[in-house]
């Protein structure tokens, strides 16, 4: 039985609309992308009604449309719902063995960060074996603008989503060296997009620096970022950060492939 078969003439109009909006949300969640024509066909409704349903979903950030007249894809709110329900377990399963391997090879502390509102949270952290190292960061929250992991995620988001998350443009700092100026942040995000990785020196911890690479799902949305966290004594300048980024990127690519359904 099709979902629309449950709607009867006695169903209150507001419930009909609510059910159809939820059907659209489910379609986008299952497929990753839908068109107006697909919604109209699947819900056996008119094109104008399909437009209105998608507009309602868009107003609540459940879908977004990157090109006028183009397909609709998962929006921020739908991503956050799906991540909140399954993210921590799935990401730890996908990333766990890769992070352990990365920590072993790099001999530094590596982690996986996800975005939660204006903050980033470490959902996994594996220490290296050096006598001087960064201890586990598991569970730690840091403002997205204030460290490499957060900025790697922000750089992978559409600019309007960055604006939505940081709507006040008042950026908190984790340390006195944190990036808290909006113009500086937007310029840095452009640099991250160009080179593919982010870096911070003592912005989240005065005695540590980090390098991060975003992990992007099949819909083009950042699921999080892989980080390598080192004492400042071992990362004092950009050349050292570049070397770490080159070593870290293959591990991020492996996690990304797993999240997208590869082996």
Protein backbone atom coordinates (compact mmCIF):
# COMPACT_ATOMS: atom_id res chain seq x y z
CA UNK A 1 0.00 0.00 0.00
CA UNK A 2 1.33 3.40 -0.91
CA UNK A 3 1.67 6.01 1.83
CA UNK A 4 -0.88 8.27 0.17
CA UNK A 5 -3.50 5.51 0.33
CA UNK A 6 -3.79 6.13 4.07
CA UNK A 7 -5.11 9.67 3.48
CA UNK A 8 -8.89 9.74 3.48
CA UNK A 9 -11.45 12.51 2.88
CA UNK A 10 -12.06 12.66 6.64
CA UNK A 11 -8.40 13.34 7.46
CA UNK A 12 -8.00 16.96 8.69
CA UNK A 13 -6.21 19.11 6.07
CA UNK A 14 -3.41 20.07 8.46
CA UNK A 15 -2.64 16.38 9.10
CA UNK A 16 -2.71 15.67 5.37
CA UNK A 17 -0.14 18.43 4.81
CA UNK A 18 2.00 17.28 7.74
CA UNK A 19 2.02 13.68 6.55
CA UNK A 20 2.96 14.69 3.03
CA UNK A 21 5.78 16.93 4.26
CA UNK A 22 7.10 14.00 6.29
CA UNK A 23 6.86 11.80 3.21
CA UNK A 24 8.99 14.31 1.30
CA UNK A 25 11.52 14.38 4.14
CA UNK A 26 11.70 10.59 4.08
CA UNK A 27 12.15 10.57 0.30
CA UNK A 28 15.07 12.96 0.52
CA UNK A 29 16.57 11.06 3.44
CA UNK A 30 16.39 7.76 1.53
CA UNK A 31 17.52 9.04 -1.84
CA UNK A 32 19.72 12.02 -1.04
CA UNK A 33 18.10 14.08 -3.80
CA UNK A 34 14.61 14.59 -5.27
CA UNK A 35 12.98 16.74 -7.94
CA UNK A 36 9.60 18.45 -8.00
CA UNK A 37 8.43 15.99 -10.65
CA UNK A 38 9.45 13.01 -8.51
CA UNK A 39 7.59 14.36 -5.47
CA UNK A 40 4.47 15.01 -7.54
CA UNK A 41 4.59 11.53 -9.05
CA UNK A 42 5.34 9.67 -5.80
CA UNK A 43 2.66 11.50 -3.82
CA UNK A 44 0.19 11.52 -6.74
CA UNK A 45 -0.27 15.25 -6.41
CA UNK A 46 0.08 18.31 -8.63
CA UNK A 47 3.35 20.03 -9.45
CA UNK A 48 2.24 23.16 -7.62
CA UNK A 49 1.51 21.15 -4.47
CA UNK A 50 4.88 19.43 -4.76
CA UNK A 51 6.49 22.87 -4.96
CA UNK A 52 4.70 23.95 -1.79
CA UNK A 53 5.71 20.80 0.09
CA UNK A 54 9.34 21.26 -0.87
CA UNK A 55 9.15 24.95 0.03
CA UNK A 56 7.88 23.98 3.50
CA UNK A 57 10.77 21.52 3.90
CA UNK A 58 13.21 24.14 2.69
CA UNK A 59 11.92 26.74 5.16
CA UNK A 60 12.83 24.37 8.00
CA UNK A 61 16.24 23.44 6.49
CA UNK A 62 15.20 19.84 5.78
CA UNK A 63 16.13 20.32 2.12
CA UNK A 64 18.17 22.79 0.15
CA UNK A 65 18.28 23.71 -3.54
CA UNK A 66 21.71 24.77 -4.76
CA UNK A 67 20.58 25.76 -8.26
CA UNK A 68 17.28 27.47 -9.09
CA UNK A 69 15.10 24.91 -10.83
CA UNK A 70 17.44 22.09 -9.85
CA UNK A 71 17.03 19.08 -7.61
CA UNK A 72 16.60 19.30 -3.86
CA UNK A 73 19.14 17.64 -1.56
CA UNK A 74 19.37 16.99 2.16
CA UNK A 75 19.45 20.18 4.21
CA UNK A 76 21.16 20.97 7.48
CA UNK A 77 18.26 20.01 9.74
CA UNK A 78 17.85 16.58 8.12
CA UNK A 79 21.59 15.97 8.29
CA UNK A 80 21.64 16.86 11.97
CA UNK A 81 18.70 14.55 12.70
CA UNK A 82 20.35 11.63 10.92
CA UNK A 83 23.70 12.30 12.53
CA UNK A 84 22.16 12.64 15.96
CA UNK A 85 20.45 9.28 15.61
CA UNK A 86 23.27 7.21 14.15
CA UNK A 87 26.44 9.26 13.85
CA UNK A 88 28.49 8.40 16.91
CA UNK A 89 28.12 4.63 16.58
CA UNK A 90 28.45 4.48 12.79
CA UNK A 91 31.36 6.89 12.64
CA UNK A 92 33.25 5.12 15.38
CA UNK A 93 32.70 1.81 13.60
CA UNK A 94 33.85 3.24 10.28
CA UNK A 95 36.75 5.20 11.71
CA UNK A 96 37.97 3.14 14.66
CA UNK A 97 40.41 0.75 13.00
CA UNK A 98 41.60 3.44 10.58
CA UNK A 99 42.36 5.83 13.43
CA UNK A 100 44.24 3.15 15.33
CA UNK A 101 46.34 2.49 12.25
CA UNK A 102 46.92 6.22 11.76
CA UNK A 103 48.02 6.65 15.38
CA UNK A 104 50.42 3.75 14.99
CA UNK A 105 51.97 5.02 11.76
CA UNK A 106 52.06 8.73 12.61
CA UNK A 107 52.87 7.99 16.28
CA UNK A 108 50.73 10.95 17.25
CA UNK A 109 47.25 11.33 18.75
CA UNK A 110 44.53 11.19 16.09
CA UNK A 111 40.81 11.78 16.44
CA UNK A 112 37.47 12.17 14.73
CA UNK A 113 35.42 15.34 15.21
CA UNK A 114 31.74 15.94 14.41
CA UNK A 115 29.88 19.25 14.40
CA UNK A 116 27.28 19.93 17.08
CA UNK A 117 25.80 23.38 16.54
CA UNK A 118 28.61 25.93 16.93
CA UNK A 119 31.01 23.38 18.45
CA UNK A 120 32.98 20.39 17.34
CA UNK A 121 33.07 17.27 19.52
CA UNK A 122 35.65 14.49 19.48
CA UNK A 123 33.74 11.20 19.15
CA UNK A 124 36.93 9.16 18.89
CA UNK A 125 40.55 9.74 19.92
CA UNK A 126 43.53 7.38 19.81
CA UNK A 127 46.85 8.28 21.40
CA UNK A 128 50.27 7.76 19.90
CA UNK A 129 53.03 6.08 21.90
CA UNK A 130 55.57 8.87 22.32
CA UNK A 131 56.50 9.82 25.86
CA UNK A 132 55.47 13.43 25.11
CA UNK A 133 52.09 13.34 23.39
CA UNK A 134 48.59 14.78 23.43
CA UNK A 135 46.35 12.77 25.73
CA UNK A 136 42.99 11.45 24.54
CA UNK A 137 40.55 14.16 23.45
CA UNK A 138 37.47 11.91 23.49
CA UNK A 139 34.34 13.91 24.36
CA UNK A 140 36.01 17.29 24.25
CA UNK A 141 34.01 20.22 22.82
CA UNK A 142 35.74 23.12 21.01
CA UNK A 143 34.19 26.06 19.09
CA UNK A 144 34.23 25.20 15.38
CA UNK A 145 36.15 28.37 14.50
CA UNK A 146 38.85 27.70 17.09
CA UNK A 147 40.57 24.57 15.82
CA UNK A 148 41.56 22.71 12.70
CA UNK A 149 38.89 20.00 12.98
CA UNK A 150 36.09 22.53 13.23
CA UNK A 151 37.38 24.68 10.39
CA UNK A 152 37.82 21.65 8.13
CA UNK A 153 34.12 20.92 8.63
CA UNK A 154 33.08 24.55 8.14
CA UNK A 155 35.08 24.79 4.91
CA UNK A 156 33.20 21.79 3.51
CA UNK A 157 29.79 23.31 4.28
CA UNK A 158 27.92 25.64 1.90
CA UNK A 159 28.60 29.30 2.84
CA UNK A 160 24.96 29.84 3.82
CA UNK A 161 25.17 26.95 6.27
CA UNK A 162 28.30 28.47 7.82
CA UNK A 163 26.31 31.68 8.25
CA UNK A 164 23.42 29.74 9.80
CA UNK A 165 25.62 27.98 12.33
CA UNK A 166 27.58 31.09 13.26
CA UNK A 167 24.70 33.49 12.75
CA UNK A 168 25.79 36.13 15.26
CA UNK A 169 29.31 36.29 13.79
CA UNK A 170 30.52 36.59 17.36
CA UNK A 171 33.14 33.86 17.48
CA UNK A 172 34.22 32.39 20.82
CA UNK A 173 37.83 31.50 21.47
CA UNK A 174 39.24 28.45 23.21
CA UNK A 175 42.59 30.19 23.83
CA UNK A 176 43.92 33.74 23.31
CA UNK A 177 45.31 32.55 19.97
CA UNK A 178 41.97 31.31 18.62
CA UNK A 179 40.63 32.77 15.38
CA UNK A 180 37.71 34.95 16.51
CA UNK A 181 37.46 37.53 13.71
CA UNK A 182 34.77 36.81 11.12
CA UNK A 183 36.75 38.16 8.16
CA UNK A 184 39.82 36.18 9.18
CA UNK A 185 37.69 33.04 9.45
CA UNK A 186 36.06 33.40 6.04
CA UNK A 187 39.45 34.01 4.42
CA UNK A 188 40.88 30.96 6.18
CA UNK A 189 37.97 28.79 5.04
CA UNK A 190 38.74 29.76 1.44
CA UNK A 191 42.35 28.69 1.93
CA UNK A 192 41.21 25.38 3.41
CA UNK A 193 38.90 24.73 0.45
CA UNK A 194 41.79 25.38 -1.92
CA UNK A 195 44.37 23.13 -0.22
CA UNK A 196 42.07 20.46 1.25
CA UNK A 197 43.13 20.55 4.91
CA UNK A 198 43.07 22.81 7.97
CA UNK A 199 45.64 23.67 10.62
CA UNK A 200 45.81 25.46 13.94
CA UNK A 201 48.72 26.42 16.16
CA UNK A 202 47.79 26.66 19.87
CA UNK A 203 44.20 27.76 19.13
CA UNK A 204 42.47 24.99 21.07
CA UNK A 205 45.34 24.20 23.44
CA UNK A 206 48.26 26.56 24.10
CA UNK A 207 50.68 23.63 24.05
CA UNK A 208 49.36 21.82 20.99
CA UNK A 209 48.60 22.21 17.32
CA UNK A 210 46.52 20.13 14.96
CA UNK A 211 45.89 19.33 11.31
CA UNK A 212 42.52 18.12 10.02
CA UNK A 213 40.91 16.74 6.86
CA UNK A 214 37.14 16.68 6.36
CA UNK A 215 35.26 13.45 5.62
CA UNK A 216 32.46 13.97 3.08
CA UNK A 217 29.48 11.64 2.61
CA UNK A 218 27.91 10.63 -0.70
CA UNK A 219 25.57 13.64 -0.68
CA UNK A 220 28.49 16.06 -0.42
CA UNK A 221 27.97 16.84 3.27
CA UNK A 222 30.83 16.78 5.82
CA UNK A 223 30.24 14.01 8.34
CA UNK A 224 33.19 15.17 10.40
CA UNK A 225 36.95 15.57 10.24
CA UNK A 226 39.98 13.43 10.99
CA UNK A 227 42.58 15.21 13.10
CA UNK A 228 46.18 14.69 14.13
CA UNK A 229 47.08 16.50 17.35
CA UNK A 230 50.69 17.16 18.27
CA UNK A 231 52.74 19.07 20.84
CA UNK A 232 53.84 22.45 19.47
CA UNK A 233 57.44 21.37 19.86
CA UNK A 234 56.87 18.99 16.92
CA UNK A 235 54.83 21.35 14.75
CA UNK A 236 56.26 24.84 14.88
CA UNK A 237 55.71 26.01 11.30
CA UNK A 238 53.68 25.41 8.16
CA UNK A 239 56.12 22.95 6.47
CA UNK A 240 55.61 20.54 9.35
CA UNK A 241 51.84 20.97 9.05
CA UNK A 242 52.01 20.27 5.31
CA UNK A 243 53.90 17.04 5.96
CA UNK A 244 51.33 15.93 8.53
CA UNK A 245 48.46 16.78 6.17
CA UNK A 246 49.99 14.61 3.44
CA UNK A 247 50.27 11.69 5.86
CA UNK A 248 46.79 12.18 7.32
CA UNK A 249 44.84 12.56 4.06
CA UNK A 250 44.92 8.87 3.00
CA UNK A 251 43.37 7.85 6.33
CA UNK A 252 40.59 10.42 5.93
CA UNK A 253 40.02 9.11 2.40
CA UNK A 254 39.67 5.55 3.71
CA UNK A 255 37.10 6.58 6.34
CA UNK A 256 35.24 8.58 3.70
CA UNK A 257 35.08 5.55 1.43
CA UNK A 258 33.72 3.41 4.27
CA UNK A 259 31.05 5.95 5.13
CA UNK A 260 29.99 6.00 1.49
CA UNK A 261 29.55 2.25 1.54
CA UNK A 262 32.93 1.10 0.23
CA UNK A 263 35.28 -1.33 1.90
